[in-house]
Protein backbone atom coordinates (compact mmCIF):
# COMPACT_ATOMS: atom_id res chain seq x y z
CA UNK A 1 -20.76 8.76 103.00
CA UNK A 2 -23.96 8.28 105.41
CA UNK A 3 -21.76 5.81 107.14
CA UNK A 4 -18.90 7.44 107.73
CA UNK A 5 -20.62 10.37 109.39
CA UNK A 6 -22.47 7.63 111.69
CA UNK A 7 -19.27 6.35 112.35
CA UNK A 8 -17.58 9.63 113.63
CA UNK A 9 -20.45 10.26 115.88
CA UNK A 10 -19.83 6.81 117.43
CA UNK A 11 -16.27 7.99 117.73
CA UNK A 12 -17.04 11.27 119.51
CA UNK A 13 -19.55 9.61 122.02
CA UNK A 14 -17.05 6.78 123.15
CA UNK A 15 -14.27 9.91 123.88
CA UNK A 16 -16.57 11.49 125.97
CA UNK A 17 -17.22 8.53 128.40
CA UNK A 18 -15.06 8.32 131.38
CA UNK A 19 -12.91 5.73 131.94
CA UNK A 20 -14.21 3.27 134.35
CA UNK A 21 -18.19 4.48 133.98
CA UNK A 22 -20.81 1.92 133.85
CA UNK A 23 -23.28 0.82 131.32
CA UNK A 24 -26.20 3.28 132.77
CA UNK A 25 -23.51 5.83 132.77
CA UNK A 26 -23.15 5.81 129.11
CA UNK A 27 -24.96 8.45 127.45
CA UNK A 28 -27.48 7.67 124.94
CA UNK A 29 -26.83 7.38 121.37
CA UNK A 30 -28.55 10.51 119.22
CA UNK A 31 -31.24 9.52 117.33
CA UNK A 32 -30.70 8.63 113.90
CA UNK A 33 -29.53 11.22 111.68
CA UNK A 34 -31.94 12.60 109.06
CA UNK A 35 -31.36 11.14 105.91
CA UNK A 36 -29.20 13.63 103.58
CA UNK A 37 -31.06 14.80 100.84
CA UNK A 38 -30.22 13.45 97.30
CA UNK A 39 -27.55 15.27 95.65
CA UNK A 40 -28.88 16.92 92.06
CA UNK A 41 -27.98 15.08 89.26
CA UNK A 42 -25.04 16.29 87.28
CA UNK A 43 -26.26 17.14 84.03
CA UNK A 44 -24.00 15.41 80.73
CA UNK A 45 -22.42 17.34 79.26
CA UNK A 46 -23.13 18.37 75.75
CA UNK A 47 -21.18 16.00 73.12
CA UNK A 48 -18.31 17.66 71.37
CA UNK A 49 -19.13 17.60 67.42
CA UNK A 50 -17.03 16.20 65.38
CA UNK A 51 -14.34 18.52 63.49
CA UNK A 52 -14.40 18.45 60.00
CA UNK A 53 -12.42 16.06 57.82
CA UNK A 54 -9.85 17.72 56.27
CA UNK A 55 -9.46 17.37 52.55
CA UNK A 56 -6.53 15.57 51.44
CA UNK A 57 -4.12 17.88 49.47
CA UNK A 58 -3.55 17.29 45.69
CA UNK A 59 -0.91 15.40 44.74
CA UNK A 60 1.84 17.33 43.45
CA UNK A 61 2.37 16.83 39.55
CA UNK A 62 5.15 15.04 38.22
CA UNK A 63 8.15 17.74 37.13
CA UNK A 64 8.56 17.24 33.63
CA UNK A 65 12.22 15.15 32.99
CA UNK A 66 14.48 17.77 32.01
CA UNK A 67 16.23 16.27 28.63
CA UNK A 68 19.93 15.55 28.91
CA UNK A 69 21.81 18.23 27.41
CA UNK A 70 23.64 17.41 24.04
CA UNK A 71 27.16 16.32 24.46
CA UNK A 72 29.39 18.85 21.94
CA UNK A 73 30.62 17.18 19.35
CA UNK A 74 34.23 16.01 19.43
CA UNK A 75 37.15 18.08 17.97
CA UNK A 76 38.09 16.26 14.58
CA UNK A 77 42.07 15.32 14.64
CA UNK A 78 43.47 17.65 12.31
CA UNK A 79 45.75 15.26 10.67
CA UNK A 80 49.21 16.88 10.57
CA UNK A 81 51.72 15.67 7.94
CA UNK A 82 55.11 15.15 8.63
CA UNK A 83 57.71 18.02 7.73
CA UNK A 84 60.06 17.16 4.87
CA UNK A 85 63.39 16.15 6.31
CA UNK A 86 66.44 16.25 3.81
CA UNK A 87 68.23 13.41 3.73
CA UNK A 88 71.13 12.69 6.31
CA UNK A 89 74.80 11.48 4.93
CA UNK A 90 76.62 8.92 7.23
CA UNK A 91 79.88 10.92 7.29
CA UNK A 92 80.83 12.12 10.33
CA UNK A 93 81.26 15.76 10.81
CA UNK A 94 84.67 17.46 10.81
CA UNK A 95 86.28 18.02 13.79
CA UNK A 96 87.40 21.73 14.43
CA UNK A 97 91.15 21.99 15.25
CA UNK A 98 92.06 22.02 18.51
CA UNK A 99 93.92 24.77 19.38
CA UNK A 100 97.65 24.09 20.90
CA UNK A 101 97.62 24.62 24.61
CA UNK A 102 99.52 27.83 25.90
CA UNK A 103 103.33 27.42 27.09
CA UNK A 104 103.74 26.21 30.34
CA UNK A 105 104.28 28.57 33.08
CA UNK A 106 107.90 28.38 34.09
CA UNK A 107 107.88 26.06 38.11
CA UNK A 108 108.42 28.36 40.97
CA UNK A 109 111.61 27.68 42.82
CA UNK A 110 111.37 25.16 45.73
CA UNK A 111 111.25 26.72 49.13
CA UNK A 112 112.73 25.75 52.16
CA UNK A 113 110.45 27.10 54.14
CA UNK A 114 106.80 26.03 54.56
CA UNK A 115 103.84 28.41 54.89
CA UNK A 116 101.29 28.44 57.23
CA UNK A 117 97.96 27.72 55.49
CA UNK A 118 95.24 30.27 56.30
CA UNK A 119 91.71 29.50 57.55
CA UNK A 120 90.11 30.23 54.21
CA UNK A 121 92.47 28.30 52.56
CA UNK A 122 91.86 25.04 55.06
CA UNK A 123 88.07 25.36 54.47
CA UNK A 124 88.27 25.67 50.40
CA UNK A 125 89.35 22.36 49.73
CA UNK A 126 86.90 20.78 52.13
CA UNK A 127 83.81 22.46 50.26
CA UNK A 128 82.12 19.87 47.95
CA UNK A 129 81.31 21.07 44.48
CA UNK A 130 77.72 21.71 44.07
CA UNK A 131 76.26 20.60 41.16
CA UNK A 132 74.71 22.76 38.66
CA UNK A 133 71.28 23.10 39.52
CA UNK A 134 69.18 21.82 36.24
CA UNK A 135 67.14 24.47 34.95
CA UNK A 136 63.36 24.03 35.43
CA UNK A 137 61.42 22.18 32.80
CA UNK A 138 59.80 24.59 30.23
CA UNK A 139 61.84 27.35 31.16
CA UNK A 140 62.72 30.11 28.81
CA UNK A 141 66.51 28.25 29.13
CA UNK A 142 65.41 25.15 28.58
CA UNK A 143 63.34 25.68 25.47
CA UNK A 144 65.90 27.83 24.10
CA UNK A 145 68.45 24.95 24.59
CA UNK A 146 65.96 22.40 23.19
CA UNK A 147 65.03 24.87 20.13
CA UNK A 148 68.77 25.23 19.46
CA UNK A 149 69.65 22.06 19.04
CA UNK A 150 69.17 20.31 16.06
CA UNK A 151 67.21 16.98 15.54
CA UNK A 152 68.65 13.80 15.27
CA UNK A 153 67.27 11.81 12.47
CA UNK A 154 68.61 8.37 11.96
CA UNK A 155 69.73 6.89 8.67
CA UNK A 156 66.15 4.89 8.64
CA UNK A 157 63.78 7.73 9.25
CA UNK A 158 65.28 9.53 6.69
CA UNK A 159 65.37 7.02 3.78
CA UNK A 160 61.13 6.24 4.53
CA UNK A 161 59.32 7.79 1.83
CA UNK A 162 56.99 11.14 3.10
CA UNK A 163 53.36 10.36 2.15
CA UNK A 164 51.12 13.09 0.32
CA UNK A 165 49.11 15.12 1.71
CA UNK A 166 45.86 13.76 -0.48
CA UNK A 167 46.25 10.60 1.97
CA UNK A 168 44.27 12.48 4.64
CA UNK A 169 40.85 13.04 2.53
CA UNK A 170 39.53 9.23 3.89
CA UNK A 171 40.56 10.07 7.18
CA UNK A 172 38.41 13.57 6.84
CA UNK A 173 35.41 11.62 5.01
CA UNK A 174 35.62 8.74 7.93
CA UNK A 175 35.39 11.71 10.56
CA UNK A 176 32.75 13.72 8.87
CA UNK A 177 30.46 10.27 9.00
CA UNK A 178 31.21 10.05 12.26
CA UNK A 179 30.22 13.37 13.33
CA UNK A 180 26.53 12.88 11.39
CA UNK A 181 26.52 9.69 13.58
CA UNK A 182 26.95 11.08 17.05
CA UNK A 183 24.60 14.03 15.75
CA UNK A 184 21.94 11.88 15.00
CA UNK A 185 22.39 9.43 18.22
CA UNK A 186 22.13 13.00 20.46
CA UNK A 187 19.26 13.86 18.87
CA UNK A 188 17.66 10.68 19.41
CA UNK A 189 18.73 10.48 23.13
CA UNK A 190 17.58 14.35 23.44
CA UNK A 191 14.06 13.71 22.01
CA UNK A 192 11.42 12.69 24.95
CA UNK A 193 10.38 8.85 25.07
CA UNK A 194 6.94 9.85 23.76
CA UNK A 195 8.40 11.31 20.53
CA UNK A 196 10.76 8.21 20.05
CA UNK A 197 7.62 5.87 20.50
CA UNK A 198 5.34 7.85 18.20
CA UNK A 199 7.74 7.96 15.29
CA UNK A 200 8.53 4.00 16.04
CA UNK A 201 4.60 3.67 15.47
CA UNK A 202 4.79 5.52 12.42
CA UNK A 203 7.72 3.35 11.05
CA UNK A 204 5.62 0.53 12.06
CA UNK A 205 2.88 1.83 10.23
CA UNK A 206 4.71 2.75 7.25
CA UNK A 207 6.55 -0.68 6.60
CA UNK A 208 2.51 -2.35 7.11
CA UNK A 209 1.44 0.15 4.21
CA UNK A 210 4.35 -0.68 2.30
CA UNK A 211 3.86 -4.55 2.71
CA UNK A 212 0.30 -4.01 2.20
CA UNK A 213 0.92 -2.06 -1.20
CA UNK A 214 3.05 -4.93 -2.08
CA UNK A 215 0.80 -7.70 -1.54
CA UNK A 216 -2.08 -5.95 -3.60
CA UNK A 217 0.25 -4.96 -6.70
CA UNK A 218 1.02 -8.93 -6.74
CA UNK A 219 -2.62 -10.01 -6.15
CA UNK A 220 -3.80 -7.41 -9.02
CA UNK A 221 -0.81 -8.65 -11.07
CA UNK A 222 -2.33 -12.17 -10.84
CA UNK A 223 -6.08 -11.16 -11.12
CA UNK A 224 -4.62 -9.44 -14.45
CA UNK A 225 -3.15 -12.42 -15.39
CA UNK A 226 -6.36 -14.52 -15.10
CA UNK A 227 -8.57 -12.34 -16.40
CA UNK A 228 -6.24 -12.02 -19.54
CA UNK A 229 -6.73 -16.07 -19.81
CA UNK A 230 -10.39 -15.64 -19.26
CA UNK A 231 -10.61 -13.36 -22.19
CA UNK A 232 -8.65 -15.69 -24.24
CA UNK A 233 -10.64 -18.58 -23.57
CA UNK A 234 -13.98 -16.46 -23.79
CA UNK A 235 -12.48 -15.46 -27.70
CA UNK A 236 -11.70 -18.89 -28.32
CA UNK A 237 -15.53 -19.92 -27.54
CA UNK A 238 -16.87 -16.92 -29.16
CA UNK A 239 -15.26 -17.58 -32.03
CA UNK A 240 -16.23 -20.96 -32.02
CA UNK A 241 -19.60 -19.70 -32.48
CA UNK A 242 -18.88 -17.48 -35.67
CA UNK A 243 -17.88 -19.89 -38.46
CA UNK A 244 -16.64 -18.75 -41.86
CA UNK A 245 -18.85 -18.11 -44.49
CA UNK A 246 -18.88 -20.37 -47.46
CA UNK A 247 -17.88 -19.35 -50.51
CA UNK A 248 -19.50 -20.41 -54.07
CA UNK A 249 -22.75 -19.53 -53.32
CA UNK A 250 -24.44 -19.25 -57.34
CA UNK A 251 -26.13 -15.35 -57.76
CA UNK A 252 -25.72 -14.62 -53.65
CA UNK A 253 -22.99 -12.58 -52.33
CA UNK A 254 -22.90 -13.03 -47.74
CA UNK A 255 -20.78 -10.95 -45.48
CA UNK A 256 -20.94 -11.52 -41.72
CA UNK A 257 -19.11 -9.58 -39.14
CA UNK A 258 -19.35 -9.71 -34.91
CA UNK A 259 -17.60 -7.23 -32.50
CA UNK A 260 -17.90 -7.56 -28.51
CA UNK A 261 -19.26 -4.81 -26.38
CA UNK A 262 -17.13 -2.13 -24.77
CA UNK A 263 -15.73 -4.29 -21.66
CA UNK A 264 -14.47 -7.42 -20.63
CA UNK A 265 -17.33 -9.53 -20.48
CA UNK A 266 -18.26 -11.55 -24.10
CA UNK A 267 -21.68 -11.96 -24.91
CA UNK A 268 -24.10 -14.23 -26.27
CA UNK A 269 -24.17 -13.16 -30.18
CA UNK A 270 -24.26 -15.96 -32.81
CA UNK A 271 -24.81 -16.34 -36.66
CA UNK A 272 -24.17 -18.93 -38.73
CA UNK A 273 -24.57 -19.55 -42.99
CA UNK A 274 -24.84 -22.86 -44.27
CA UNK A 275 -25.71 -24.34 -47.58
CA UNK A 276 -28.64 -26.81 -47.44
CA UNK A 277 -30.16 -29.36 -50.07
CA UNK A 278 -31.78 -28.68 -53.47
CA UNK A 279 -29.81 -24.85 -53.62
CA UNK A 280 -30.81 -23.64 -50.59
CA UNK A 281 -28.81 -21.66 -48.24
CA UNK A 282 -29.77 -21.37 -44.43
CA UNK A 283 -28.80 -17.91 -42.48
CA UNK A 284 -29.17 -17.84 -38.46
CA UNK A 285 -28.73 -14.88 -36.44
CA UNK A 286 -29.16 -14.63 -32.84
CA UNK A 287 -28.50 -13.13 -29.43
CA UNK A 288 -28.75 -15.19 -26.04
CA UNK A 289 -29.60 -12.84 -22.88
CA UNK A 290 -27.10 -11.81 -20.51
CA UNK A 291 -23.34 -12.02 -20.75
CA UNK A 292 -20.23 -14.76 -19.97
CA UNK A 293 -19.49 -18.15 -20.09
CA UNK A 294 -23.31 -19.15 -19.43
CA UNK A 295 -24.60 -16.83 -22.50
CA UNK A 296 -21.54 -18.35 -24.74
CA UNK A 297 -22.69 -22.04 -23.91
CA UNK A 298 -26.12 -21.26 -24.74
CA UNK A 299 -25.48 -19.67 -27.94
CA UNK A 300 -23.90 -22.48 -28.85
CA UNK A 301 -26.55 -24.83 -27.70
CA UNK A 302 -29.19 -22.79 -29.65
CA UNK A 303 -27.21 -22.39 -32.87
CA UNK A 304 -26.46 -26.05 -33.15
CA UNK A 305 -30.23 -26.73 -32.29
CA UNK A 306 -31.72 -24.58 -35.12
CA UNK A 307 -28.94 -25.64 -37.77
CA UNK A 308 -30.18 -29.16 -36.95
CA UNK A 309 -33.84 -28.57 -37.26
CA UNK A 310 -33.23 -26.62 -40.26
CA UNK A 311 -30.73 -29.23 -42.22
CA UNK A 312 -33.64 -31.99 -41.20
CA UNK A 313 -35.98 -29.94 -43.63
CA UNK A 314 -38.09 -28.32 -41.16
CA UNK A 315 -39.48 -24.84 -42.31
CA UNK A 316 -38.08 -22.00 -40.31
CA UNK A 317 -41.31 -21.07 -38.61
CA UNK A 318 -41.83 -24.95 -37.19
CA UNK A 319 -37.98 -24.88 -36.31
CA UNK A 320 -38.28 -21.95 -34.06
CA UNK A 321 -41.29 -23.85 -32.44
CA UNK A 322 -39.43 -26.75 -31.91
CA UNK A 323 -36.41 -25.15 -30.57
CA UNK A 324 -38.31 -23.49 -28.16
CA UNK A 325 -39.40 -26.96 -26.52
CA UNK A 326 -36.29 -28.07 -26.54
CA UNK A 327 -34.53 -25.34 -25.07
CA UNK A 328 -36.80 -24.82 -22.35
CA UNK A 329 -35.09 -26.82 -19.97
CA UNK A 330 -31.84 -26.48 -20.13
CA UNK A 331 -31.79 -22.23 -20.96
CA UNK A 332 -34.28 -20.98 -18.01
CA UNK A 333 -34.28 -18.57 -17.09
CA UNK A 334 -32.16 -17.19 -20.14
CA UNK A 335 -33.75 -16.96 -23.55
CA UNK A 336 -32.94 -16.14 -27.16
CA UNK A 337 -33.96 -13.68 -29.85
CA UNK A 338 -33.40 -15.33 -33.00
CA UNK A 339 -34.03 -14.93 -36.72
CA UNK A 340 -34.09 -17.67 -39.09
CA UNK A 341 -34.08 -17.60 -42.99
CA UNK A 342 -33.75 -19.65 -45.94
CA UNK A 343 -32.76 -18.26 -49.43
CA UNK A 344 -33.52 -20.08 -52.32
CA UNK A 345 -30.87 -19.69 -54.95
CA UNK A 346 -32.85 -20.47 -57.91
CA UNK A 347 -36.22 -18.31 -57.20
CA UNK A 348 -34.31 -15.77 -55.02
CA UNK A 349 -36.88 -15.59 -52.34
CA UNK A 350 -36.09 -15.53 -48.86
CA UNK A 351 -38.59 -16.82 -46.07
CA UNK A 352 -37.73 -15.72 -42.52
CA UNK A 353 -39.21 -16.02 -39.31
CA UNK A 354 -38.17 -13.93 -36.08
CA UNK A 355 -38.69 -14.80 -32.44
CA UNK A 356 -38.45 -11.27 -30.31
CA UNK A 357 -35.80 -10.19 -32.88
CA UNK A 358 -36.15 -6.95 -35.21
CA UNK A 359 -37.20 -7.47 -38.63
CA UNK A 360 -34.44 -7.14 -41.32
CA UNK A 361 -33.67 -4.09 -43.44
CA UNK A 362 -34.43 -4.45 -46.97
CA UNK A 363 -32.81 -2.42 -49.60
CA UNK A 364 -33.87 -2.38 -53.42
CA UNK A 365 -37.08 -4.42 -52.98
CA UNK A 366 -40.48 -3.21 -51.57
CA UNK A 367 -40.84 -4.19 -47.71
CA UNK A 368 -42.78 -2.74 -44.73
CA UNK A 369 -41.13 -4.04 -41.65
CA UNK A 370 -44.53 -2.46 -39.66
CA UNK A 371 -46.52 -5.17 -40.94
CA UNK A 372 -44.89 -7.80 -39.45
CA UNK A 373 -46.31 -9.31 -35.99
CA UNK A 374 -43.90 -9.66 -33.02
CA UNK A 375 -43.11 -13.10 -31.66
CA UNK A 376 -41.88 -14.06 -27.98
CA UNK A 377 -38.26 -15.20 -28.03
CA UNK A 378 -37.38 -19.06 -27.84
CA UNK A 379 -36.39 -20.66 -24.75
CA UNK A 380 -39.48 -19.63 -22.64
CA UNK A 381 -41.88 -21.66 -23.64
CA UNK A 382 -44.00 -19.40 -24.27
CA UNK A 383 -45.57 -19.74 -27.89
CA UNK A 384 -46.78 -22.81 -30.35
CA UNK A 385 -46.28 -21.59 -33.93
CA UNK A 386 -44.07 -18.54 -35.00
CA UNK A 387 -45.04 -16.58 -38.40
CA UNK A 388 -43.35 -16.99 -41.73
CA UNK A 389 -42.34 -13.91 -43.94
CA UNK A 390 -41.06 -13.80 -47.56
CA UNK A 391 -39.24 -11.43 -49.46
CA UNK A 392 -38.24 -11.33 -53.13
CA UNK A 393 -34.96 -10.00 -54.02
CA UNK A 394 -34.04 -8.66 -57.45
CA UNK A 395 -30.64 -8.19 -58.93
CA UNK A 396 -28.75 -5.54 -56.61
CA UNK A 397 -31.32 -5.98 -53.36
CA UNK A 398 -29.99 -6.04 -49.97
CA UNK A 399 -30.90 -7.94 -46.93
CA UNK A 400 -29.43 -7.41 -43.57
CA UNK A 401 -30.00 -9.25 -40.62
CA UNK A 402 -28.68 -7.46 -37.39
CA UNK A 403 -28.49 -7.73 -33.31
CA UNK A 404 -30.32 -5.13 -31.50
CA UNK A 405 -26.43 -4.03 -30.15
CA UNK A 406 -26.45 -1.98 -33.48
CA UNK A 407 -29.89 0.03 -32.58
CA UNK A 408 -29.07 0.47 -28.99
CA UNK A 409 -25.68 1.90 -29.59
CA UNK A 410 -25.70 5.61 -27.80
CA UNK A 411 -24.86 9.02 -29.06
CA UNK A 412 -25.33 11.88 -26.83
CA UNK A 413 -26.76 9.47 -24.20
CA UNK A 414 -29.88 9.14 -27.21
CA UNK A 415 -30.48 5.57 -28.71
CA UNK A 416 -28.80 5.43 -32.00
CA UNK A 417 -32.51 3.69 -33.43
CA UNK A 418 -33.24 1.79 -36.52
CA UNK A 419 -33.40 4.78 -39.17
CA UNK A 420 -29.76 5.75 -38.52
CA UNK A 421 -28.68 2.02 -39.04
CA UNK A 422 -30.43 1.87 -42.19
CA UNK A 423 -28.88 4.96 -43.12
CA UNK A 424 -25.18 4.06 -42.44
CA UNK A 425 -25.95 0.59 -44.18
CA UNK A 426 -27.20 2.37 -47.67
CA UNK A 427 -24.48 4.81 -47.46
CA UNK A 428 -22.21 2.56 -49.57
CA UNK A 429 -22.35 1.37 -53.02
CA UNK A 430 -22.00 -2.23 -51.89
CA UNK A 431 -23.12 -2.83 -48.63
CA UNK A 432 -21.20 -4.97 -46.38
CA UNK A 433 -21.16 -6.13 -42.87
CA UNK A 434 -17.97 -5.27 -41.35
CA UNK A 435 -18.18 -1.66 -42.81
CA UNK A 436 -21.43 -1.32 -41.07
CA UNK A 437 -20.32 -2.20 -37.69
CA UNK A 438 -17.24 0.06 -37.95
CA UNK A 439 -19.75 3.19 -38.98
CA UNK A 440 -21.69 2.25 -36.04
CA UNK A 441 -19.06 2.61 -33.63
CA UNK A 442 -17.64 5.60 -35.27
CA UNK A 443 -21.02 7.31 -34.92
CA UNK A 444 -21.90 6.30 -31.45
CA UNK A 445 -20.31 7.77 -28.30
CA UNK A 446 -20.69 3.78 -26.74
CA UNK A 447 -21.54 0.27 -27.57
CA UNK A 448 -22.86 -1.06 -24.47
CA UNK A 449 -23.63 -4.80 -26.02
CA UNK A 450 -21.92 -7.04 -28.58
CA UNK A 451 -22.84 -6.29 -32.13
CA UNK A 452 -23.50 -9.04 -35.19
CA UNK A 453 -24.72 -8.51 -38.84
CA UNK A 454 -25.20 -10.99 -41.76
CA UNK A 455 -25.66 -8.87 -45.20
CA UNK A 456 -27.11 -10.61 -48.03
CA UNK A 457 -26.91 -9.19 -51.71
CA UNK A 458 -28.47 -10.88 -54.87
CA UNK A 459 -26.22 -10.49 -57.59
CA UNK A 460 -24.82 -12.32 -60.82
CA UNK A 461 -21.96 -14.98 -60.44
CA UNK A 462 -19.59 -12.30 -61.64
CA UNK A 463 -20.56 -9.85 -59.62
CA UNK A 464 -20.58 -11.92 -56.78
CA UNK A 465 -16.80 -13.09 -57.09
CA UNK A 466 -15.88 -8.97 -57.53
CA UNK A 467 -17.75 -8.84 -54.28
CA UNK A 468 -15.97 -11.51 -51.92
CA UNK A 469 -12.65 -10.22 -53.74
CA UNK A 470 -13.80 -6.58 -52.20
CA UNK A 471 -14.57 -7.57 -48.80
């Protein structure tokens, strides 16, 4: 801007100099202009604040899909049976008599003069005869004409047999089934997709449950068959441990019985009665701890071990000591409670030793079980010797060896006990092992263990035969 002012002043001075003036006559240039003051700085305008961001409007929810209206069921076709048409004979109908034509009018006499035709007469022959207008279709005239005309029935149509009205029943049933199917289809189409998916899921779940139930039933049947087979095998093994009682023992009647516990598992109860040398009879009654196949196997092992030791001539106490040392390696952690006895037929003396077993019940002879010392079972290696006890049997005396399953039977949740077993045994004139087990089962509410018993009764030989026949 300063430069433009200076140039303007110079131009003004030059214009003021007359033409042809010398340099001396030129006016002096004015002194330099004073510097203009600096213009005040324009303050910066305040920054416009940013406008707040407009929040996005929420998206409008989707309108629910309007289900399609179900179609109206189609009107069933009403079967119409053709009307009965009377047979038509082939003879043509008789034609009506044609009336005689009227007599001809006398001919007009010819005229010699020709008459001139009139203009109307000239136009009449030239006018065309218009065809009769056909009545419109459906007019009353046409309807009357059609209804008044008799139907034409051919000989072939009249000869066809007319079906009975009952033939329309299958068609009506088919139409009813079609209507039901159409209604189901329309209902499925009208249902929302979520409902259809839910129904499909329920159908799949029902099929899976049905298949699972069928598989479980097959598996249960297979397990029942396997269980029956195992029970048969265990029954055979248990039967092998219950040998028959020998007959012909002079002056001694013996009965033995065994019953398994309430349940499928087989126990380890066993008994054995066998003849020895020198008129003696060996008796064994024992119980292996636990149930199942192992108990049956250990019962057989203990029975044959003790029988071999007694047959070899070992006393009962010594036989138990040897059996304990022999079975300790094969039976751990199980053990055997057993009572071993030898009866001398000639002296009538019963000698026995018990290992962890209850003392026998003696009827008809003085006997105090409280005086007997308890002894450990065999198979654990806990003892060196087992004490022996002697009982002299008079005629009619009875000795009952039994397992702890009889005492442990429950009546109203209470243990049956030894006294009740002794009462049941003495309730009969002739005690019997099978009858005793039956009485215990009848008196108890539940029997949770196997029960076995051996009953020895001293009597003359004739009574022995009668006793054997009665049992």
